[in-house]
């Protein structure tokens, strides 16, 4: 979403000319050059937070409604390779979790470690980057907001 900050008469002119599909109604009135950046952020977040919360809620509902359809991933041994192949439509990751290890693209296997070792990466970060690069959606959630009590869950495209 794009939130415009500016004086009202310039906002109305810009709104008429704008064609960006994610331009949100409303905006932040006033001269942004004179505003504190933290204050602008707070005002913008109040406008976009309901949009993000609505998207998250719909994605979690879709996950639950897809039970038994064969398009859900609950195991990183499946999620990481699927992310590398661009097969993830929606990925949910626990914002507080880390899963250290490596991914071998030749064998399509992951190796996990309880603690970070030399050469390791966070497999959740890897799945996130792969999913975003393939045009999928990623929701970085608190553990209690995850659709399942797991570090990651996915809805596959196919």
Protein backbone atom coordinates (compact mmCIF):
# COMPACT_ATOMS: atom_id res chain seq x y z
CA UNK A 1 0.00 0.00 0.00
CA UNK A 2 1.06 3.55 -0.72
CA UNK A 3 0.12 6.31 1.72
CA UNK A 4 0.53 9.87 0.58
CA UNK A 5 1.73 12.57 2.94
CA UNK A 6 1.27 16.13 1.75
CA UNK A 7 -0.81 19.25 1.83
CA UNK A 8 -4.45 18.61 0.96
CA UNK A 9 -4.62 20.52 -2.32
CA UNK A 10 -1.57 18.66 -3.70
CA UNK A 11 -2.94 15.32 -2.51
CA UNK A 12 -6.16 15.86 -4.46
CA UNK A 13 -4.25 16.73 -7.64
CA UNK A 14 -2.03 13.68 -7.28
CA UNK A 15 -4.98 11.39 -6.58
CA UNK A 16 -6.62 12.42 -9.85
CA UNK A 17 -3.47 11.65 -11.85
CA UNK A 18 -2.45 8.50 -9.95
CA UNK A 19 -2.98 5.04 -11.47
CA UNK A 20 -1.09 2.97 -8.88
CA UNK A 21 -3.48 0.16 -7.86
CA UNK A 22 -2.39 0.03 -4.20
CA UNK A 23 -2.81 3.73 -3.44
CA UNK A 24 -4.83 3.86 -0.22
CA UNK A 25 -7.73 6.22 0.39
CA UNK A 26 -7.02 8.98 2.84
CA UNK A 27 -3.55 10.14 3.59
CA UNK A 28 -1.54 12.24 5.97
CA UNK A 29 -2.39 15.94 5.78
CA UNK A 30 0.23 18.60 6.19
CA UNK A 31 3.71 19.37 5.00
CA UNK A 32 5.78 16.20 5.48
CA UNK A 33 9.01 18.22 5.28
CA UNK A 34 8.12 19.70 8.66
CA UNK A 35 7.05 16.43 10.29
CA UNK A 36 9.06 14.08 12.47
CA UNK A 37 9.70 10.80 10.61
CA UNK A 38 8.50 8.72 13.58
CA UNK A 39 5.27 10.70 13.70
CA UNK A 40 4.73 10.14 9.96
CA UNK A 41 5.37 6.42 10.43
CA UNK A 42 2.84 6.20 13.27
CA UNK A 43 0.17 7.93 11.20
CA UNK A 44 0.88 5.82 8.11
CA UNK A 45 0.84 2.60 10.15
CA UNK A 46 -2.64 3.43 11.50
CA UNK A 47 -3.82 3.61 7.88
CA UNK A 48 -2.13 0.45 6.54
CA UNK A 49 -2.27 -1.86 9.58
CA UNK A 50 -5.88 -2.92 8.93
CA UNK A 51 -4.94 -3.75 5.33
CA UNK A 52 -2.08 -6.00 6.44
CA UNK A 53 -4.13 -7.61 9.20
CA UNK A 54 -6.94 -8.35 6.74
CA UNK A 55 -4.53 -9.99 4.28
CA UNK A 56 -3.02 -12.08 7.06
CA UNK A 57 -6.43 -13.18 8.32
CA UNK A 58 -7.56 -14.20 4.82
CA UNK A 59 -4.34 -16.13 4.22
CA UNK A 60 -4.66 -18.05 7.50
CA UNK A 61 -8.32 -18.82 6.72
CA UNK A 62 -7.28 -20.06 3.28
CA UNK A 63 -4.68 -22.30 4.91
CA UNK A 64 -7.27 -23.84 7.23
CA UNK A 65 -9.79 -24.21 4.39
CA UNK A 66 -7.17 -26.08 2.32
CA UNK A 67 -6.82 -28.95 4.79
CA UNK A 68 -6.99 -32.30 3.01
CA UNK A 69 -6.42 -30.82 -0.46
CA UNK A 70 -2.77 -31.87 -0.72
CA UNK A 71 -1.45 -28.32 -1.12
CA UNK A 72 -0.19 -27.63 2.41
CA UNK A 73 3.37 -27.92 3.66
CA UNK A 74 4.18 -28.40 7.32
CA UNK A 75 7.71 -29.79 7.17
CA UNK A 76 10.84 -27.85 6.23
CA UNK A 77 12.13 -30.94 4.41
CA UNK A 78 9.34 -30.25 1.91
CA UNK A 79 8.96 -26.46 2.25
CA UNK A 80 12.58 -25.50 1.53
CA UNK A 81 12.88 -27.49 -1.74
CA UNK A 82 9.43 -26.27 -2.83
CA UNK A 83 10.51 -22.69 -2.19
CA UNK A 84 13.64 -23.21 -4.29
CA UNK A 85 11.43 -24.49 -7.12
CA UNK A 86 9.03 -21.52 -6.89
CA UNK A 87 6.11 -23.73 -5.82
CA UNK A 88 5.06 -21.78 -2.72
CA UNK A 89 2.10 -19.46 -3.06
CA UNK A 90 1.93 -18.43 0.61
CA UNK A 91 4.51 -18.98 3.33
CA UNK A 92 3.98 -18.45 7.05
CA UNK A 93 7.09 -18.20 9.22
CA UNK A 94 7.43 -17.85 12.97
CA UNK A 95 9.12 -14.47 13.44
CA UNK A 96 10.93 -15.63 16.56
CA UNK A 97 12.23 -18.92 15.22
CA UNK A 98 15.53 -19.87 13.60
CA UNK A 99 16.26 -23.19 11.98
CA UNK A 100 19.98 -23.47 11.27
CA UNK A 101 21.29 -25.69 8.55
CA UNK A 102 22.10 -26.07 4.88
CA UNK A 103 20.18 -26.89 1.72
CA UNK A 104 21.61 -29.07 -1.05
CA UNK A 105 19.80 -28.18 -4.27
CA UNK A 106 21.20 -31.22 -6.10
CA UNK A 107 19.68 -33.75 -3.70
CA UNK A 108 16.87 -31.40 -2.60
CA UNK A 109 17.68 -32.14 1.05
CA UNK A 110 18.23 -30.01 4.11
CA UNK A 111 20.55 -30.65 7.02
CA UNK A 112 19.50 -29.09 10.33
CA UNK A 113 21.65 -28.17 13.30
CA UNK A 114 20.50 -27.31 16.82
CA UNK A 115 22.94 -24.40 16.87
CA UNK A 116 24.43 -22.37 14.07
CA UNK A 117 27.55 -23.93 12.58
CA UNK A 118 30.05 -22.65 10.03
CA UNK A 119 28.42 -22.51 6.61
CA UNK A 120 24.88 -22.61 8.02
CA UNK A 121 22.07 -20.29 7.17
CA UNK A 122 18.63 -19.83 8.61
CA UNK A 123 16.44 -22.20 6.56
CA UNK A 124 13.40 -20.05 7.33
CA UNK A 125 15.16 -17.05 5.79
CA UNK A 126 16.10 -19.15 2.76
CA UNK A 127 12.49 -20.26 2.23
CA UNK A 128 11.34 -16.65 2.69
CA UNK A 129 13.75 -15.23 0.11
CA UNK A 130 12.98 -17.99 -2.39
CA UNK A 131 9.23 -17.50 -1.98
CA UNK A 132 9.44 -13.73 -2.42
CA UNK A 133 11.69 -14.06 -5.48
CA UNK A 134 9.10 -16.37 -7.06
CA UNK A 135 6.27 -13.91 -6.41
CA UNK A 136 4.78 -15.68 -3.41
CA UNK A 137 3.43 -14.03 -0.28
CA UNK A 138 5.21 -14.30 3.07
CA UNK A 139 3.70 -13.67 6.48
CA UNK A 140 6.22 -13.23 9.31
CA UNK A 141 4.03 -13.96 12.34
CA UNK A 142 4.22 -14.32 16.08
CA UNK A 143 4.10 -17.99 17.13
CA UNK A 144 0.54 -17.65 18.46
CA UNK A 145 -0.65 -16.26 15.11
CA UNK A 146 0.81 -19.11 13.04
CA UNK A 147 -1.78 -21.37 11.39
CA UNK A 148 -0.03 -24.33 13.07
CA UNK A 149 2.37 -24.63 15.99
CA UNK A 150 5.37 -24.95 13.67
CA UNK A 151 8.26 -22.71 12.62
CA UNK A 152 6.89 -22.67 9.04
CA UNK A 153 3.81 -23.64 7.08
CA UNK A 154 3.02 -23.20 3.39
CA UNK A 155 0.30 -23.24 0.79
CA UNK A 156 1.70 -24.64 -2.44
CA UNK A 157 0.79 -23.44 -5.90
CA UNK A 158 0.74 -27.03 -7.14
